Amino acid sequence: MKNPLHYQMSEYDCGPTSVLNAIIYLFERDEIPPAVIRNTMLYCLDCYSKEGIPGKRGTSRAAMMFLSNWLNECGNLGMLNASSEYLSGESVYIGTGSKINQALSHGGAAVLIYNEKTRIPVEDVIEYFI
């Protein structure tokens, strides 16, 4: 049984919400290990606001890279039938030969980081899943 996709609960949880939605899209409910849900939320929301409030500045690229690596290890260990890769810079594009297109054309999902000011993808695709 598939779960419905989720909306963000706050202004700050776009990272974990997007990753969990990718997992929900790719897997049936009974295929998602509890550790994936727990660790996605645990590893994200690591940035502090200017006032020093934890989580109020969202999730860092470093945290998303760590989560991507952790999810890839889940695949290597057989906990989750998936692979994940963090892309950045020139490897982030949608077009012929791109890793994003490859993942999407094989039924995968991609999670993008957007620039806050321009709202366009600029630098990173956090993860893609196959």
N, C-alpha and C. Protein backbone atom coordinates (compact mmCIF):
# COMPACT_ATOMS: atom_id res chain seq x y z
N MET A 1 0.84 -1.17 0.00
CA MET A 1 0.00 0.00 0.00
C MET A 1 0.89 1.24 0.00
N LYS A 2 0.57 2.19 -0.86
CA LYS A 2 1.33 3.43 -0.93
C LYS A 2 0.79 4.44 0.08
N ASN A 3 1.69 5.24 0.62
CA ASN A 3 1.31 6.35 1.49
C ASN A 3 1.10 7.59 0.64
N PRO A 4 0.24 8.51 1.06
CA PRO A 4 0.14 9.78 0.34
C PRO A 4 1.38 10.62 0.60
N LEU A 5 1.70 11.49 -0.35
CA LEU A 5 2.83 12.39 -0.16
C LEU A 5 2.48 13.42 0.90
N HIS A 6 3.49 14.01 1.52
CA HIS A 6 3.30 14.93 2.63
C HIS A 6 3.61 16.37 2.24
N TYR A 7 2.93 17.29 2.90
CA TYR A 7 3.26 18.71 2.81
C TYR A 7 4.26 19.01 3.92
N GLN A 8 4.99 20.11 3.75
CA GLN A 8 5.85 20.57 4.83
C GLN A 8 5.00 20.94 6.03
N MET A 9 5.55 20.71 7.22
CA MET A 9 4.86 21.08 8.45
C MET A 9 5.24 22.48 8.90
N SER A 10 6.35 23.00 8.36
CA SER A 10 6.84 24.32 8.77
C SER A 10 7.55 24.98 7.59
N GLU A 11 8.11 26.13 7.82
CA GLU A 11 8.89 26.83 6.79
C GLU A 11 10.29 26.23 6.65
N TYR A 12 10.64 25.28 7.50
CA TYR A 12 12.03 24.85 7.61
C TYR A 12 12.28 23.40 7.22
N ASP A 13 11.25 22.60 7.06
CA ASP A 13 11.44 21.15 6.89
C ASP A 13 11.31 20.67 5.45
N CYS A 14 11.70 21.51 4.48
CA CYS A 14 11.60 21.09 3.08
C CYS A 14 12.55 19.93 2.79
N GLY A 15 13.74 19.91 3.38
CA GLY A 15 14.70 18.84 3.14
C GLY A 15 14.18 17.48 3.55
N PRO A 16 13.85 17.28 4.84
CA PRO A 16 13.37 15.97 5.24
C PRO A 16 12.04 15.59 4.59
N THR A 17 11.16 16.57 4.38
CA THR A 17 9.88 16.27 3.74
C THR A 17 10.10 15.78 2.32
N SER A 18 11.01 16.42 1.59
CA SER A 18 11.28 16.01 0.20
C SER A 18 11.91 14.63 0.13
N VAL A 19 12.86 14.35 1.03
CA VAL A 19 13.49 13.04 1.03
C VAL A 19 12.47 11.96 1.39
N LEU A 20 11.67 12.20 2.41
CA LEU A 20 10.66 11.20 2.79
C LEU A 20 9.62 11.02 1.68
N ASN A 21 9.26 12.10 0.98
CA ASN A 21 8.34 11.96 -0.15
C ASN A 21 8.94 11.12 -1.27
N ALA A 22 10.24 11.27 -1.51
CA ALA A 22 10.90 10.43 -2.51
C ALA A 22 10.83 8.96 -2.08
N ILE A 23 11.06 8.69 -0.81
CA ILE A 23 10.97 7.32 -0.29
C ILE A 23 9.54 6.79 -0.43
N ILE A 24 8.57 7.63 -0.07
CA ILE A 24 7.16 7.24 -0.17
C ILE A 24 6.79 6.92 -1.62
N TYR A 25 7.29 7.74 -2.55
CA TYR A 25 7.02 7.54 -3.97
C TYR A 25 7.59 6.21 -4.46
N LEU A 26 8.77 5.87 -3.99
CA LEU A 26 9.48 4.70 -4.49
C LEU A 26 9.08 3.38 -3.85
N PHE A 27 8.59 3.41 -2.63
CA PHE A 27 8.38 2.17 -1.90
C PHE A 27 6.97 2.05 -1.35
N GLU A 28 6.56 0.80 -1.21
CA GLU A 28 5.32 0.50 -0.52
C GLU A 28 5.54 0.73 0.98
N ARG A 29 4.47 0.96 1.65
CA ARG A 29 4.50 1.25 3.09
C ARG A 29 5.29 0.22 3.90
N ASP A 30 5.07 -1.06 3.62
CA ASP A 30 5.72 -2.11 4.40
C ASP A 30 7.18 -2.33 4.00
N GLU A 31 7.67 -1.63 2.98
CA GLU A 31 9.05 -1.75 2.56
C GLU A 31 9.96 -0.68 3.19
N ILE A 32 9.37 0.28 3.88
CA ILE A 32 10.15 1.39 4.43
C ILE A 32 10.55 1.08 5.87
N PRO A 33 11.85 0.87 6.11
CA PRO A 33 12.30 0.57 7.47
C PRO A 33 12.12 1.78 8.39
N PRO A 34 11.76 1.55 9.65
CA PRO A 34 11.62 2.66 10.60
C PRO A 34 12.88 3.51 10.72
N ALA A 35 14.06 2.90 10.58
CA ALA A 35 15.31 3.65 10.69
C ALA A 35 15.43 4.73 9.62
N VAL A 36 14.85 4.51 8.45
CA VAL A 36 14.91 5.51 7.38
C VAL A 36 14.11 6.75 7.78
N ILE A 37 12.95 6.54 8.34
CA ILE A 37 12.12 7.68 8.78
C ILE A 37 12.82 8.41 9.93
N ARG A 38 13.23 7.65 10.92
CA ARG A 38 13.87 8.24 12.10
C ARG A 38 15.13 9.02 11.73
N ASN A 39 16.01 8.40 10.96
CA ASN A 39 17.28 9.04 10.66
C ASN A 39 17.14 10.21 9.69
N THR A 40 16.17 10.17 8.81
CA THR A 40 15.93 11.32 7.94
C THR A 40 15.61 12.55 8.78
N MET A 41 14.74 12.39 9.74
CA MET A 41 14.38 13.52 10.60
C MET A 41 15.54 13.87 11.55
N LEU A 42 16.27 12.89 12.01
CA LEU A 42 17.37 13.12 12.94
C LEU A 42 18.52 13.88 12.30
N TYR A 43 18.85 13.54 11.05
CA TYR A 43 19.99 14.14 10.39
C TYR A 43 19.69 15.52 9.81
N CYS A 44 18.43 15.84 9.62
CA CYS A 44 18.05 17.11 8.99
C CYS A 44 17.77 18.19 10.04
N LEU A 45 17.40 19.37 9.57
CA LEU A 45 17.08 20.51 10.43
C LEU A 45 18.23 20.83 11.38
N ASP A 46 19.44 20.86 10.84
CA ASP A 46 20.64 21.06 11.64
C ASP A 46 21.15 22.50 11.65
N CYS A 47 20.52 23.39 10.89
CA CYS A 47 20.99 24.77 10.79
C CYS A 47 20.31 25.67 11.83
N TYR A 48 21.07 26.58 12.39
CA TYR A 48 20.58 27.50 13.42
C TYR A 48 20.19 28.84 12.79
N SER A 49 19.13 29.45 13.32
CA SER A 49 18.74 30.78 12.88
C SER A 49 19.72 31.81 13.42
N LYS A 50 19.59 33.05 12.96
CA LYS A 50 20.45 34.13 13.46
C LYS A 50 20.28 34.33 14.96
N GLU A 51 19.12 33.95 15.46
CA GLU A 51 18.84 34.08 16.89
C GLU A 51 19.34 32.87 17.68
N GLY A 52 19.92 31.89 16.99
CA GLY A 52 20.46 30.71 17.66
C GLY A 52 19.44 29.60 17.89
N ILE A 53 18.32 29.65 17.20
CA ILE A 53 17.29 28.63 17.37
C ILE A 53 17.59 27.45 16.44
N PRO A 54 17.78 26.25 17.00
CA PRO A 54 18.11 25.09 16.17
C PRO A 54 16.97 24.72 15.22
N GLY A 55 17.34 24.39 13.99
CA GLY A 55 16.37 23.93 13.01
C GLY A 55 15.66 25.03 12.24
N LYS A 56 15.72 26.25 12.72
CA LYS A 56 14.96 27.35 12.09
C LYS A 56 15.63 27.91 10.85
N ARG A 57 16.66 27.25 10.39
CA ARG A 57 17.27 27.65 9.12
C ARG A 57 17.35 26.45 8.18
N GLY A 58 16.60 25.42 8.51
CA GLY A 58 16.50 24.27 7.63
C GLY A 58 17.63 23.27 7.77
N THR A 59 17.98 22.68 6.63
CA THR A 59 18.94 21.59 6.59
C THR A 59 20.15 22.00 5.75
N SER A 60 21.32 21.71 6.24
CA SER A 60 22.55 22.06 5.52
C SER A 60 22.82 21.08 4.39
N ARG A 61 23.64 21.52 3.46
CA ARG A 61 24.08 20.63 2.38
C ARG A 61 24.88 19.47 2.96
N ALA A 62 25.67 19.75 3.97
CA ALA A 62 26.47 18.69 4.59
C ALA A 62 25.57 17.60 5.18
N ALA A 63 24.48 18.02 5.82
CA ALA A 63 23.55 17.04 6.40
C ALA A 63 22.88 16.22 5.31
N MET A 64 22.51 16.87 4.20
CA MET A 64 21.86 16.14 3.11
C MET A 64 22.85 15.20 2.43
N MET A 65 24.12 15.60 2.34
CA MET A 65 25.14 14.72 1.78
C MET A 65 25.32 13.50 2.69
N PHE A 66 25.36 13.73 3.99
CA PHE A 66 25.48 12.63 4.95
C PHE A 66 24.29 11.69 4.83
N LEU A 67 23.08 12.27 4.75
CA LEU A 67 21.87 11.46 4.62
C LEU A 67 21.91 10.65 3.33
N SER A 68 22.33 11.27 2.24
CA SER A 68 22.44 10.55 0.97
C SER A 68 23.39 9.36 1.09
N ASN A 69 24.54 9.59 1.71
CA ASN A 69 25.50 8.50 1.91
C ASN A 69 24.92 7.41 2.81
N TRP A 70 24.22 7.81 3.85
CA TRP A 70 23.62 6.84 4.76
C TRP A 70 22.56 6.01 4.03
N LEU A 71 21.72 6.67 3.23
CA LEU A 71 20.70 5.93 2.47
C LEU A 71 21.34 4.98 1.47
N ASN A 72 22.43 5.39 0.87
CA ASN A 72 23.14 4.51 -0.06
C ASN A 72 23.66 3.27 0.67
N GLU A 73 24.17 3.47 1.88
CA GLU A 73 24.63 2.33 2.68
C GLU A 73 23.48 1.40 3.05
N CYS A 74 22.29 1.98 3.30
CA CYS A 74 21.11 1.14 3.55
C CYS A 74 20.87 0.22 2.38
N GLY A 75 21.04 0.76 1.17
CA GLY A 75 20.91 -0.07 -0.03
C GLY A 75 21.99 -1.13 -0.10
N ASN A 76 23.22 -0.76 0.20
CA ASN A 76 24.33 -1.73 0.17
C ASN A 76 24.14 -2.85 1.18
N LEU A 77 23.52 -2.52 2.32
CA LEU A 77 23.31 -3.52 3.38
C LEU A 77 22.03 -4.32 3.19
N GLY A 78 21.23 -3.96 2.19
CA GLY A 78 19.99 -4.68 1.93
C GLY A 78 18.81 -4.22 2.77
N MET A 79 18.96 -3.12 3.49
CA MET A 79 17.84 -2.60 4.29
C MET A 79 16.78 -1.95 3.41
N LEU A 80 17.21 -1.42 2.27
CA LEU A 80 16.33 -0.69 1.37
C LEU A 80 16.83 -0.94 -0.04
N ASN A 81 15.95 -1.32 -0.94
CA ASN A 81 16.36 -1.62 -2.31
C ASN A 81 16.51 -0.32 -3.10
N ALA A 82 17.59 0.41 -2.80
CA ALA A 82 17.79 1.72 -3.43
C ALA A 82 19.25 2.09 -3.40
N SER A 83 19.59 3.04 -4.24
CA SER A 83 20.90 3.69 -4.17
C SER A 83 20.66 5.19 -4.17
N SER A 84 21.61 5.92 -3.64
CA SER A 84 21.47 7.36 -3.53
C SER A 84 22.81 8.00 -3.84
N GLU A 85 22.78 9.15 -4.48
CA GLU A 85 24.01 9.86 -4.79
C GLU A 85 23.78 11.35 -4.66
N TYR A 86 24.71 12.02 -4.03
CA TYR A 86 24.69 13.48 -3.89
C TYR A 86 25.42 14.07 -5.08
N LEU A 87 24.78 14.94 -5.81
CA LEU A 87 25.39 15.60 -6.96
C LEU A 87 25.53 17.08 -6.67
N SER A 88 26.56 17.71 -7.24
CA SER A 88 26.69 19.15 -7.08
C SER A 88 27.42 19.73 -8.29
N GLY A 89 27.35 21.05 -8.40
CA GLY A 89 28.07 21.76 -9.45
C GLY A 89 27.62 21.37 -10.84
N GLU A 90 28.58 21.11 -11.72
CA GLU A 90 28.30 20.85 -13.13
C GLU A 90 27.62 19.52 -13.38
N SER A 91 27.64 18.62 -12.41
CA SER A 91 26.97 17.33 -12.59
C SER A 91 25.46 17.45 -12.40
N VAL A 92 25.00 18.64 -11.99
CA VAL A 92 23.57 18.88 -11.80
C VAL A 92 22.99 19.52 -13.05
N TYR A 93 22.34 18.71 -13.86
CA TYR A 93 21.63 19.23 -15.02
C TYR A 93 20.61 18.18 -15.45
N ILE A 94 19.61 18.62 -16.15
CA ILE A 94 18.60 17.72 -16.68
C ILE A 94 18.74 17.77 -18.19
N GLY A 95 19.17 16.67 -18.75
CA GLY A 95 19.40 16.61 -20.18
C GLY A 95 19.97 15.26 -20.56
N THR A 96 20.29 15.11 -21.83
CA THR A 96 20.83 13.87 -22.33
C THR A 96 22.08 13.47 -21.56
N GLY A 97 22.06 12.25 -21.07
CA GLY A 97 23.22 11.72 -20.36
C GLY A 97 23.32 12.12 -18.90
N SER A 98 22.38 12.90 -18.39
CA SER A 98 22.49 13.31 -16.98
C SER A 98 22.10 12.17 -16.05
N LYS A 99 22.71 12.18 -14.88
CA LYS A 99 22.37 11.17 -13.88
C LYS A 99 20.93 11.34 -13.40
N ILE A 100 20.45 12.58 -13.40
CA ILE A 100 19.06 12.83 -13.00
C ILE A 100 18.11 12.17 -13.99
N ASN A 101 18.33 12.40 -15.28
CA ASN A 101 17.49 11.76 -16.29
C ASN A 101 17.55 10.24 -16.20
N GLN A 102 18.74 9.72 -15.98
CA GLN A 102 18.91 8.28 -15.86
C GLN A 102 18.08 7.74 -14.71
N ALA A 103 18.15 8.40 -13.56
CA ALA A 103 17.38 7.94 -12.40
C ALA A 103 15.88 8.03 -12.67
N LEU A 104 15.44 9.17 -13.21
CA LEU A 104 14.01 9.37 -13.45
C LEU A 104 13.48 8.40 -14.51
N SER A 105 14.27 8.13 -15.54
CA SER A 105 13.81 7.23 -16.60
C SER A 105 13.75 5.78 -16.14
N HIS A 106 14.39 5.47 -15.03
CA HIS A 106 14.33 4.13 -14.46
C HIS A 106 13.39 4.06 -13.26
N GLY A 107 12.50 5.04 -13.15
CA GLY A 107 11.50 5.03 -12.08
C GLY A 107 12.01 5.60 -10.77
N GLY A 108 13.13 6.29 -10.79
CA GLY A 108 13.69 6.87 -9.58
C GLY A 108 13.09 8.22 -9.25
N ALA A 109 13.66 8.86 -8.27
CA ALA A 109 13.20 10.18 -7.82
C ALA A 109 14.43 11.05 -7.56
N ALA A 110 14.26 12.36 -7.65
CA ALA A 110 15.35 13.30 -7.37
C ALA A 110 14.85 14.34 -6.38
N VAL A 111 15.72 14.75 -5.48
CA VAL A 111 15.42 15.80 -4.52
C VAL A 111 16.35 16.96 -4.84
N LEU A 112 15.80 18.13 -5.10
CA LEU A 112 16.59 19.29 -5.50
C LEU A 112 16.69 20.31 -4.38
N ILE A 113 17.82 21.01 -4.32
CA ILE A 113 17.96 22.20 -3.46
C ILE A 113 17.75 23.39 -4.37
N TYR A 114 16.95 24.31 -3.92
CA TYR A 114 16.70 25.53 -4.66
C TYR A 114 17.36 26.71 -3.97
N ASN A 115 17.77 27.68 -4.74
CA ASN A 115 18.30 28.92 -4.19
C ASN A 115 17.14 29.68 -3.58
N GLU A 116 17.26 30.08 -2.33
CA GLU A 116 16.16 30.77 -1.63
C GLU A 116 15.71 32.04 -2.33
N LYS A 117 16.64 32.78 -2.90
CA LYS A 117 16.30 34.08 -3.48
C LYS A 117 15.69 33.96 -4.86
N THR A 118 16.19 33.04 -5.69
CA THR A 118 15.71 32.96 -7.07
C THR A 118 14.67 31.88 -7.29
N ARG A 119 14.60 30.93 -6.38
CA ARG A 119 13.67 29.80 -6.49
C ARG A 119 13.91 28.97 -7.75
N ILE A 120 15.14 28.95 -8.22
CA ILE A 120 15.48 28.09 -9.35
C ILE A 120 16.60 27.16 -8.92
N PRO A 121 16.66 25.96 -9.50
CA PRO A 121 17.74 25.05 -9.11
C PRO A 121 19.08 25.64 -9.56
N VAL A 122 20.00 25.79 -8.64
CA VAL A 122 21.27 26.38 -9.01
C VAL A 122 22.45 25.45 -8.82
N GLU A 123 22.57 24.85 -7.69
CA GLU A 123 23.81 24.17 -7.41
C GLU A 123 23.71 22.67 -7.19
N ASP A 124 22.75 22.24 -6.46
CA ASP A 124 22.81 20.86 -5.99
C ASP A 124 21.54 20.08 -6.25
N VAL A 125 21.72 18.86 -6.62
CA VAL A 125 20.68 17.86 -6.48
C VAL A 125 21.15 17.04 -5.30
N ILE A 126 20.38 17.04 -4.29
CA ILE A 126 20.82 16.38 -3.07
C ILE A 126 20.99 14.89 -3.29
N GLU A 127 19.97 14.27 -3.76
CA GLU A 127 20.03 12.84 -3.93
C GLU A 127 19.22 12.44 -5.12
N TYR A 128 19.57 11.35 -5.67
CA TYR A 128 18.65 10.70 -6.56
C TYR A 128 18.60 9.25 -6.15
N PHE A 129 17.48 8.66 -6.35
CA PHE A 129 17.25 7.29 -5.90
C PHE A 129 16.90 6.42 -7.10
N ILE A 130 17.39 5.21 -7.10
CA ILE A 130 16.99 4.24 -8.11
C ILE A 130 16.44 3.03 -7.38
